[in-house]
Amino acid sequence: MTATAITGMGVVCALGQGVDALLDGLRAGRSGIALRERTSTPLLEGCRIGAEIRGFALDVALERAGPGR
């Protein structure tokens, strides 16, 4: 059996970044699905709608997390 420790809770999704943004979006009945603004992979080339995570930069998030994360 492997031990598991939960050290925090975070969300990055099409409704927003962070638990508060997610809960606010859900309570307001918003959808994160919309017309796509960018194509990140050739596999999605023909797809016009999706649940993009806007305003999120993975490199910035990893830098904030620090080494070893």
C-alpha atoms as a PDB file:
ATOM      1  CA  MET A   1       0.000   0.000   0.000  1.00  0.00           C
ATOM      2  CA  THR A   2       1.289   3.469  -0.906  1.00  0.00           C
ATOM      3  CA  ALA A   3       0.801   6.428   1.430  1.00  0.00           C
ATOM      4  CA  THR A   4      -0.743   9.564  -0.036  1.00  0.00           C
ATOM      5  CA  ALA A   5      -0.584  13.091   1.373  1.00  0.00           C
ATOM      6  CA  ILE A   6      -2.739  15.935   0.109  1.00  0.00           C
ATOM      7  CA  THR A   7      -0.903  19.171   0.769  1.00  0.00           C
ATOM      8  CA  GLY A   8      -3.172  21.666  -0.949  1.00  0.00           C
ATOM      9  CA  MET A   9      -5.924  22.143  -3.445  1.00  0.00           C
ATOM     10  CA  GLY A  10      -5.652  23.977  -6.722  1.00  0.00           C
ATOM     11  CA  VAL A  11      -7.609  24.161  -9.936  1.00  0.00           C
ATOM     12  CA  VAL A  12      -6.694  25.216 -13.438  1.00  0.00           C
ATOM     13  CA  CYS A  13      -9.690  24.897 -15.750  1.00  0.00           C
ATOM     14  CA  ALA A  14     -11.694  26.731 -18.385  1.00  0.00           C
ATOM     15  CA  LEU A  15     -13.794  28.450 -15.691  1.00  0.00           C
ATOM     16  CA  GLY A  16     -10.741  30.051 -14.122  1.00  0.00           C
ATOM     17  CA  GLN A  17      -7.668  29.471 -12.043  1.00  0.00           C
ATOM     18  CA  GLY A  18      -8.084  28.601  -8.401  1.00  0.00           C
ATOM     19  CA  VAL A  19     -10.782  27.028  -6.298  1.00  0.00           C
ATOM     20  CA  ASP A  20     -12.669  30.311  -5.805  1.00  0.00           C
ATOM     21  CA  ALA A  21     -12.849  30.995  -9.558  1.00  0.00           C
ATOM     22  CA  LEU A  22     -14.106  27.467 -10.219  1.00  0.00           C
ATOM     23  CA  LEU A  23     -16.775  27.612  -7.514  1.00  0.00           C
ATOM     24  CA  ASP A  24     -17.904  31.097  -8.606  1.00  0.00           C
ATOM     25  CA  GLY A  25     -18.251  29.885 -12.199  1.00  0.00           C
ATOM     26  CA  LEU A  26     -20.186  26.776 -11.199  1.00  0.00           C
ATOM     27  CA  ARG A  27     -22.518  28.699  -8.898  1.00  0.00           C
ATOM     28  CA  ALA A  28     -23.169  31.272 -11.624  1.00  0.00           C
ATOM     29  CA  GLY A  29     -23.944  28.506 -14.125  1.00  0.00           C
ATOM     30  CA  ARG A  30     -21.156  29.555 -16.504  1.00  0.00           C
ATOM     31  CA  SER A  31     -19.637  27.219 -19.037  1.00  0.00           C
ATOM     32  CA  GLY A  32     -15.958  27.185 -19.912  1.00  0.00           C
ATOM     33  CA  ILE A  33     -16.762  25.964 -23.421  1.00  0.00           C
ATOM     34  CA  ALA A  34     -16.495  28.601 -26.154  1.00  0.00           C
ATOM     35  CA  LEU A  35     -15.074  29.261 -29.598  1.00  0.00           C
ATOM     36  CA  ARG A  36     -11.385  28.421 -29.503  1.00  0.00           C
ATOM     37  CA  GLU A  37      -8.918  31.277 -29.817  1.00  0.00           C
ATOM     38  CA  ARG A  38      -5.834  29.243 -30.660  1.00  0.00           C
ATOM     39  CA  THR A  39      -4.778  25.896 -32.029  1.00  0.00           C
ATOM     40  CA  SER A  40      -2.223  24.239 -29.803  1.00  0.00           C
ATOM     41  CA  THR A  41      -1.905  20.965 -31.690  1.00  0.00           C
ATOM     42  CA  PRO A  42      -2.525  19.717 -35.228  1.00  0.00           C
ATOM     43  CA  LEU A  43      -4.978  17.158 -33.802  1.00  0.00           C
ATOM     44  CA  LEU A  44      -7.380  20.020 -32.941  1.00  0.00           C
ATOM     45  CA  GLU A  45      -6.974  21.888 -36.233  1.00  0.00           C
ATOM     46  CA  GLY A  46     -10.589  21.346 -37.366  1.00  0.00           C
ATOM     47  CA  CYS A  47     -12.168  21.821 -33.950  1.00  0.00           C
ATOM     48  CA  ARG A  48     -13.758  25.254 -33.447  1.00  0.00           C
ATOM     49  CA  ILE A  49     -15.044  24.930 -29.888  1.00  0.00           C
ATOM     50  CA  GLY A  50     -13.374  23.797 -26.708  1.00  0.00           C
ATOM     51  CA  ALA A  51     -12.648  24.493 -23.069  1.00  0.00           C
ATOM     52  CA  GLU A  52      -9.427  26.493 -23.297  1.00  0.00           C
ATOM     53  CA  ILE A  53      -7.565  27.599 -20.210  1.00  0.00           C
ATOM     54  CA  ARG A  54      -7.097  31.284 -20.961  1.00  0.00           C
ATOM     55  CA  GLY A  55      -4.440  33.327 -19.251  1.00  0.00           C
ATOM     56  CA  PHE A  56      -2.484  30.317 -17.990  1.00  0.00           C
ATOM     57  CA  ALA A  57       1.228  29.946 -18.649  1.00  0.00           C
ATOM     58  CA  LEU A  58       2.627  26.592 -17.554  1.00  0.00           C
ATOM     59  CA  ASP A  59       6.202  27.884 -17.407  1.00  0.00           C
ATOM     60  CA  VAL A  60       5.172  30.689 -15.020  1.00  0.00           C
ATOM     61  CA  ALA A  61       3.218  28.285 -12.800  1.00  0.00           C
ATOM     62  CA  LEU A  62       6.140  25.863 -12.601  1.00  0.00           C
ATOM     63  CA  GLU A  63       8.521  28.700 -11.805  1.00  0.00           C
ATOM     64  CA  ARG A  64       6.267  29.817  -8.925  1.00  0.00           C
ATOM     65  CA  ALA A  65       6.082  26.260  -7.593  1.00  0.00           C
ATOM     66  CA  GLY A  66       9.828  26.175  -7.184  1.00  0.00           C
ATOM     67  CA  PRO A  67      12.414  23.474  -7.707  1.00  0.00           C
ATOM     68  CA  GLY A  68      11.424  19.849  -7.367  1.00  0.00           C
ATOM     69  CA  ARG A  69       7.723  20.437  -8.016  1.00  0.00           C
END
